[in-house]
Amino acid sequence: MENRIENRIKNRMENRIEISPISNVSEVVIEYVADEGRSKNPSVHVYLEEALMAYMYYKIVERKASVPANEKARARQEYYNERRKANARIKSFTKEEALKTIRKNFKQSPKF
C-alpha cells in the first residue's frame, strides 16, 4: 500500500498519469488548459514573454489583407529579434565557454 502511494506522488512530480491494470478505473478525464495566462501556474519563462507576444502579433497580422506590407515585415522582424534576445537570455555563457572560444580562435590564427 505504501509503495502505491509513493508511486502516485512520484508520478505527480513527473507529470505522468499511470493506471494499474488491476484497478477498477474505466474512464479518465483530462482537462487541457490551452491558455497559460489563465492557469494558476503558467509555465512561460519571464525571458520568453516578449518573444511570445511578438510571435502572436506577427501571426495575427501575417495573413490580414487590411494590414500594410511594411507593418507585416516590421512584425516579422520584431518577432525574430525578440526570439534571438530570448535565446541569448536563456542560454548561460560561462567563463569556461569564453576561455574555450578564445583558445579555439588562438589555435586557428596564423603563427609567424
N, C-alpha and C. Protein backbone atom coordinates (compact mmCIF):
# COMPACT_ATOMS: atom_id res chain seq x y z
N MET A 1 0.82 -1.19 0.00
CA MET A 1 0.00 0.00 0.00
C MET A 1 0.87 1.26 0.00
N GLU A 2 1.93 1.27 0.83
CA GLU A 2 2.80 2.44 0.89
C GLU A 2 3.49 2.67 -0.45
N ASN A 3 3.87 1.58 -1.12
CA ASN A 3 4.55 1.70 -2.41
C ASN A 3 3.65 2.38 -3.44
N ARG A 4 2.35 2.05 -3.43
CA ARG A 4 1.41 2.68 -4.36
C ARG A 4 1.34 4.18 -4.11
N ILE A 5 1.27 4.57 -2.84
CA ILE A 5 1.18 5.99 -2.50
C ILE A 5 2.45 6.71 -2.94
N GLU A 6 3.62 6.11 -2.71
CA GLU A 6 4.87 6.72 -3.15
C GLU A 6 4.91 6.85 -4.66
N ASN A 7 4.41 5.84 -5.38
CA ASN A 7 4.39 5.90 -6.84
C ASN A 7 3.47 7.01 -7.33
N ARG A 8 2.32 7.17 -6.67
CA ARG A 8 1.40 8.24 -7.08
C ARG A 8 2.04 9.61 -6.89
N ILE A 9 2.71 9.79 -5.76
CA ILE A 9 3.38 11.06 -5.51
C ILE A 9 4.49 11.27 -6.54
N LYS A 10 5.26 10.24 -6.80
CA LYS A 10 6.34 10.34 -7.78
C LYS A 10 5.78 10.66 -9.16
N ASN A 11 4.69 10.04 -9.52
CA ASN A 11 4.10 10.28 -10.82
C ASN A 11 3.54 11.69 -10.94
N ARG A 12 3.01 12.23 -9.86
CA ARG A 12 2.55 13.62 -9.90
C ARG A 12 3.73 14.55 -10.12
N MET A 13 4.83 14.26 -9.48
CA MET A 13 6.00 15.12 -9.62
C MET A 13 6.58 15.03 -11.03
N GLU A 14 6.41 13.91 -11.69
CA GLU A 14 6.90 13.73 -13.05
C GLU A 14 5.84 14.08 -14.10
N ASN A 15 4.68 14.57 -13.65
CA ASN A 15 3.57 14.94 -14.54
C ASN A 15 3.13 13.79 -15.43
N ARG A 16 2.99 12.62 -14.82
CA ARG A 16 2.53 11.44 -15.56
C ARG A 16 1.29 10.88 -14.90
N ILE A 17 0.47 10.23 -15.70
CA ILE A 17 -0.70 9.53 -15.18
C ILE A 17 -0.50 8.05 -15.48
N GLU A 18 -0.51 7.25 -14.45
CA GLU A 18 -0.37 5.81 -14.61
C GLU A 18 -1.55 5.13 -13.95
N ILE A 19 -2.11 4.18 -14.64
CA ILE A 19 -3.25 3.43 -14.10
C ILE A 19 -2.87 1.96 -14.08
N SER A 20 -3.07 1.37 -12.96
CA SER A 20 -2.76 -0.05 -12.81
C SER A 20 -3.79 -0.88 -13.56
N PRO A 21 -3.36 -1.95 -14.21
CA PRO A 21 -4.34 -2.79 -14.93
C PRO A 21 -5.32 -3.50 -13.99
N ILE A 22 -4.96 -3.62 -12.73
CA ILE A 22 -5.87 -4.29 -11.79
C ILE A 22 -6.87 -3.32 -11.17
N SER A 23 -6.72 -2.04 -11.40
CA SER A 23 -7.66 -1.09 -10.81
C SER A 23 -9.00 -1.14 -11.53
N ASN A 24 -10.01 -0.58 -10.89
CA ASN A 24 -11.37 -0.59 -11.44
C ASN A 24 -11.68 0.70 -12.21
N VAL A 25 -10.67 1.40 -12.65
CA VAL A 25 -10.87 2.65 -13.38
C VAL A 25 -11.28 2.32 -14.80
N SER A 26 -12.42 2.88 -15.20
CA SER A 26 -12.90 2.62 -16.57
C SER A 26 -12.84 3.88 -17.43
N GLU A 27 -12.67 5.05 -16.80
CA GLU A 27 -12.68 6.29 -17.55
C GLU A 27 -11.73 7.29 -16.90
N VAL A 28 -10.97 8.00 -17.73
CA VAL A 28 -10.06 9.02 -17.24
C VAL A 28 -10.42 10.33 -17.93
N VAL A 29 -10.60 11.39 -17.16
CA VAL A 29 -10.93 12.71 -17.71
C VAL A 29 -9.71 13.60 -17.53
N ILE A 30 -9.25 14.18 -18.63
CA ILE A 30 -8.08 15.04 -18.60
C ILE A 30 -8.52 16.43 -19.05
N GLU A 31 -8.19 17.44 -18.25
CA GLU A 31 -8.51 18.82 -18.60
C GLU A 31 -7.29 19.45 -19.23
N TYR A 32 -7.46 20.01 -20.41
CA TYR A 32 -6.36 20.65 -21.11
C TYR A 32 -6.53 22.16 -20.98
N VAL A 33 -5.53 22.81 -20.43
CA VAL A 33 -5.56 24.26 -20.28
C VAL A 33 -4.78 24.85 -21.44
N ALA A 34 -5.49 25.45 -22.38
CA ALA A 34 -4.86 25.98 -23.58
C ALA A 34 -4.26 27.36 -23.36
N ASP A 35 -4.86 28.14 -22.50
CA ASP A 35 -4.39 29.50 -22.27
C ASP A 35 -3.55 29.52 -21.00
N GLU A 36 -2.23 29.64 -21.16
CA GLU A 36 -1.34 29.65 -20.00
C GLU A 36 -1.58 30.86 -19.11
N GLY A 37 -2.08 31.95 -19.68
CA GLY A 37 -2.34 33.14 -18.89
C GLY A 37 -3.46 32.94 -17.88
N ARG A 38 -4.37 32.04 -18.17
CA ARG A 38 -5.48 31.77 -17.25
C ARG A 38 -5.14 30.71 -16.21
N SER A 39 -4.07 29.98 -16.43
CA SER A 39 -3.73 28.93 -15.48
C SER A 39 -3.13 29.54 -14.22
N LYS A 40 -3.18 28.79 -13.15
CA LYS A 40 -2.68 29.28 -11.86
C LYS A 40 -1.16 29.35 -11.84
N ASN A 41 -0.52 28.43 -12.53
CA ASN A 41 0.93 28.36 -12.51
C ASN A 41 1.44 28.31 -13.95
N PRO A 42 1.53 29.45 -14.65
CA PRO A 42 1.95 29.40 -16.06
C PRO A 42 3.39 28.93 -16.20
N SER A 43 3.66 28.25 -17.29
CA SER A 43 4.99 27.69 -17.49
C SER A 43 5.81 28.46 -18.53
N VAL A 44 5.41 29.68 -18.85
CA VAL A 44 6.18 30.51 -19.78
C VAL A 44 7.22 31.27 -18.98
N HIS A 45 8.47 31.12 -19.35
CA HIS A 45 9.55 31.79 -18.65
C HIS A 45 9.46 33.30 -18.87
N VAL A 46 9.88 34.06 -17.88
CA VAL A 46 9.80 35.52 -17.94
C VAL A 46 10.58 36.06 -19.14
N TYR A 47 11.71 35.45 -19.43
CA TYR A 47 12.53 35.92 -20.54
C TYR A 47 11.87 35.69 -21.90
N LEU A 48 10.89 34.80 -21.96
CA LEU A 48 10.27 34.45 -23.23
C LEU A 48 8.96 35.18 -23.49
N GLU A 49 8.48 35.96 -22.54
CA GLU A 49 7.18 36.61 -22.68
C GLU A 49 7.14 37.56 -23.87
N GLU A 50 8.14 38.41 -24.01
CA GLU A 50 8.16 39.37 -25.11
C GLU A 50 8.20 38.67 -26.47
N ALA A 51 9.00 37.62 -26.56
CA ALA A 51 9.09 36.87 -27.82
C ALA A 51 7.75 36.22 -28.15
N LEU A 52 7.08 35.71 -27.14
CA LEU A 52 5.78 35.07 -27.36
C LEU A 52 4.74 36.09 -27.81
N MET A 53 4.73 37.26 -27.20
CA MET A 53 3.78 38.29 -27.61
C MET A 53 4.07 38.78 -29.03
N ALA A 54 5.35 38.93 -29.35
CA ALA A 54 5.73 39.35 -30.71
C ALA A 54 5.32 38.29 -31.73
N TYR A 55 5.46 37.02 -31.36
CA TYR A 55 5.07 35.94 -32.26
C TYR A 55 3.56 35.94 -32.50
N MET A 56 2.80 36.12 -31.43
CA MET A 56 1.34 36.14 -31.58
C MET A 56 0.91 37.30 -32.48
N TYR A 57 1.48 38.48 -32.27
CA TYR A 57 1.13 39.63 -33.11
C TYR A 57 1.51 39.37 -34.57
N TYR A 58 2.68 38.81 -34.77
CA TYR A 58 3.14 38.50 -36.13
C TYR A 58 2.19 37.53 -36.82
N LYS A 59 1.76 36.50 -36.12
CA LYS A 59 0.86 35.51 -36.72
C LYS A 59 -0.53 36.07 -36.94
N ILE A 60 -0.95 37.02 -36.11
CA ILE A 60 -2.28 37.63 -36.29
C ILE A 60 -2.30 38.49 -37.55
N VAL A 61 -1.28 39.33 -37.75
CA VAL A 61 -1.28 40.26 -38.89
C VAL A 61 -0.74 39.64 -40.17
N GLU A 62 -0.16 38.46 -40.08
CA GLU A 62 0.51 37.87 -41.24
C GLU A 62 -0.40 37.72 -42.45
N ARG A 63 -1.62 37.28 -42.28
CA ARG A 63 -2.50 37.00 -43.41
C ARG A 63 -3.65 37.99 -43.57
N LYS A 64 -3.64 39.06 -42.80
CA LYS A 64 -4.71 40.05 -42.91
C LYS A 64 -4.43 40.97 -44.09
N ALA A 65 -5.43 41.14 -44.92
CA ALA A 65 -5.29 42.00 -46.10
C ALA A 65 -5.33 43.47 -45.71
N SER A 66 -5.95 43.79 -44.58
CA SER A 66 -6.08 45.18 -44.18
C SER A 66 -4.80 45.75 -43.55
N VAL A 67 -3.82 44.91 -43.29
CA VAL A 67 -2.57 45.37 -42.68
C VAL A 67 -1.55 45.61 -43.79
N PRO A 68 -0.90 46.78 -43.78
CA PRO A 68 0.09 47.08 -44.84
C PRO A 68 1.28 46.12 -44.78
N ALA A 69 1.92 45.95 -45.92
CA ALA A 69 3.04 45.02 -46.03
C ALA A 69 4.22 45.43 -45.15
N ASN A 70 4.45 46.75 -45.02
CA ASN A 70 5.57 47.17 -44.18
C ASN A 70 5.32 46.85 -42.70
N GLU A 71 4.06 46.89 -42.25
CA GLU A 71 3.74 46.51 -40.87
C GLU A 71 3.94 45.02 -40.67
N LYS A 72 3.60 44.21 -41.66
CA LYS A 72 3.83 42.76 -41.58
C LYS A 72 5.33 42.47 -41.50
N ALA A 73 6.12 43.17 -42.31
CA ALA A 73 7.57 42.97 -42.30
C ALA A 73 8.16 43.41 -40.97
N ARG A 74 7.65 44.54 -40.42
CA ARG A 74 8.13 45.01 -39.13
C ARG A 74 7.79 44.03 -38.02
N ALA A 75 6.57 43.46 -38.07
CA ALA A 75 6.15 42.49 -37.05
C ALA A 75 7.01 41.23 -37.14
N ARG A 76 7.31 40.80 -38.35
CA ARG A 76 8.16 39.62 -38.54
C ARG A 76 9.57 39.87 -38.00
N GLN A 77 10.12 41.03 -38.34
CA GLN A 77 11.46 41.37 -37.87
C GLN A 77 11.50 41.50 -36.35
N GLU A 78 10.46 42.09 -35.78
CA GLU A 78 10.38 42.24 -34.32
C GLU A 78 10.32 40.88 -33.64
N TYR A 79 9.56 39.95 -34.22
CA TYR A 79 9.48 38.60 -33.65
C TYR A 79 10.85 37.91 -33.66
N TYR A 80 11.52 37.95 -34.81
CA TYR A 80 12.82 37.28 -34.90
C TYR A 80 13.85 37.93 -33.98
N ASN A 81 13.79 39.24 -33.82
CA ASN A 81 14.70 39.92 -32.92
C ASN A 81 14.42 39.55 -31.46
N GLU A 82 13.15 39.51 -31.07
CA GLU A 82 12.78 39.13 -29.70
C GLU A 82 13.15 37.66 -29.43
N ARG A 83 12.99 36.81 -30.42
CA ARG A 83 13.36 35.41 -30.26
C ARG A 83 14.87 35.26 -30.06
N ARG A 84 15.63 36.02 -30.82
CA ARG A 84 17.08 35.99 -30.68
C ARG A 84 17.50 36.46 -29.28
N LYS A 85 16.89 37.53 -28.81
CA LYS A 85 17.22 38.04 -27.48
C LYS A 85 16.81 37.06 -26.39
N ALA A 86 15.66 36.41 -26.55
CA ALA A 86 15.20 35.43 -25.56
C ALA A 86 16.14 34.24 -25.50
N ASN A 87 16.58 33.76 -26.66
CA ASN A 87 17.54 32.65 -26.68
C ASN A 87 18.84 33.03 -25.99
N ALA A 88 19.29 34.25 -26.21
CA ALA A 88 20.53 34.71 -25.57
C ALA A 88 20.36 34.81 -24.05
N ARG A 89 19.18 35.22 -23.60
CA ARG A 89 18.95 35.33 -22.16
C ARG A 89 18.84 33.97 -21.49
N ILE A 90 18.23 33.02 -22.17
CA ILE A 90 18.02 31.70 -21.58
C ILE A 90 19.34 30.93 -21.49
N LYS A 91 20.13 30.99 -22.54
CA LYS A 91 21.39 30.26 -22.55
C LYS A 91 22.41 31.01 -21.71
N SER A 92 23.03 30.31 -20.80
CA SER A 92 24.03 30.96 -19.95
C SER A 92 25.40 30.86 -20.62
N PHE A 93 26.17 31.92 -20.53
CA PHE A 93 27.50 31.98 -21.09
C PHE A 93 28.47 32.04 -19.93
N THR A 94 29.21 30.96 -19.71
CA THR A 94 30.08 30.87 -18.55
C THR A 94 31.50 31.31 -18.90
N LYS A 95 32.28 31.48 -17.87
CA LYS A 95 33.68 31.87 -18.04
C LYS A 95 34.45 30.79 -18.80
N GLU A 96 34.13 29.53 -18.51
CA GLU A 96 34.81 28.42 -19.20
C GLU A 96 34.53 28.43 -20.70
N GLU A 97 33.28 28.75 -21.08
CA GLU A 97 32.94 28.82 -22.50
C GLU A 97 33.69 29.97 -23.19
N ALA A 98 33.85 31.08 -22.49
CA ALA A 98 34.59 32.21 -23.05
C ALA A 98 36.05 31.83 -23.27
N LEU A 99 36.65 31.19 -22.27
CA LEU A 99 38.05 30.77 -22.41
C LEU A 99 38.21 29.74 -23.52
N LYS A 100 37.25 28.84 -23.64
CA LYS A 100 37.30 27.83 -24.70
C LYS A 100 37.26 28.49 -26.08
N THR A 101 36.40 29.49 -26.23
CA THR A 101 36.30 30.21 -27.50
C THR A 101 37.58 30.96 -27.82
N ILE A 102 38.16 31.60 -26.81
CA ILE A 102 39.41 32.33 -27.01
C ILE A 102 40.52 31.37 -27.43
N ARG A 103 40.63 30.23 -26.75
CA ARG A 103 41.66 29.24 -27.09
C ARG A 103 41.46 28.70 -28.50
N LYS A 104 40.22 28.45 -28.85
CA LYS A 104 39.91 27.92 -30.17
C LYS A 104 40.33 28.91 -31.24
N ASN A 105 40.01 30.19 -31.05
CA ASN A 105 40.38 31.22 -32.02
C ASN A 105 41.89 31.41 -32.07
N PHE A 106 42.55 31.26 -30.94
CA PHE A 106 44.00 31.42 -30.92
C PHE A 106 44.67 30.29 -31.70
N LYS A 107 44.15 29.07 -31.56
CA LYS A 107 44.72 27.93 -32.29
C LYS A 107 44.52 28.08 -33.79
N GLN A 108 43.46 28.75 -34.19
CA GLN A 108 43.16 28.90 -35.62
C GLN A 108 43.91 30.06 -36.27
N SER A 109 44.49 30.93 -35.46
CA SER A 109 45.17 32.09 -36.02
C SER A 109 46.52 31.67 -36.60
N PRO A 110 46.97 32.36 -37.67
CA PRO A 110 48.26 32.00 -38.27
C PRO A 110 49.42 32.39 -37.35
N LYS A 111 50.43 31.55 -37.31
CA LYS A 111 51.62 31.80 -36.49
C LYS A 111 52.76 32.20 -37.42
N PHE A 112 53.46 33.27 -37.07
CA PHE A 112 54.58 33.74 -37.89
C PHE A 112 55.89 33.48 -37.19
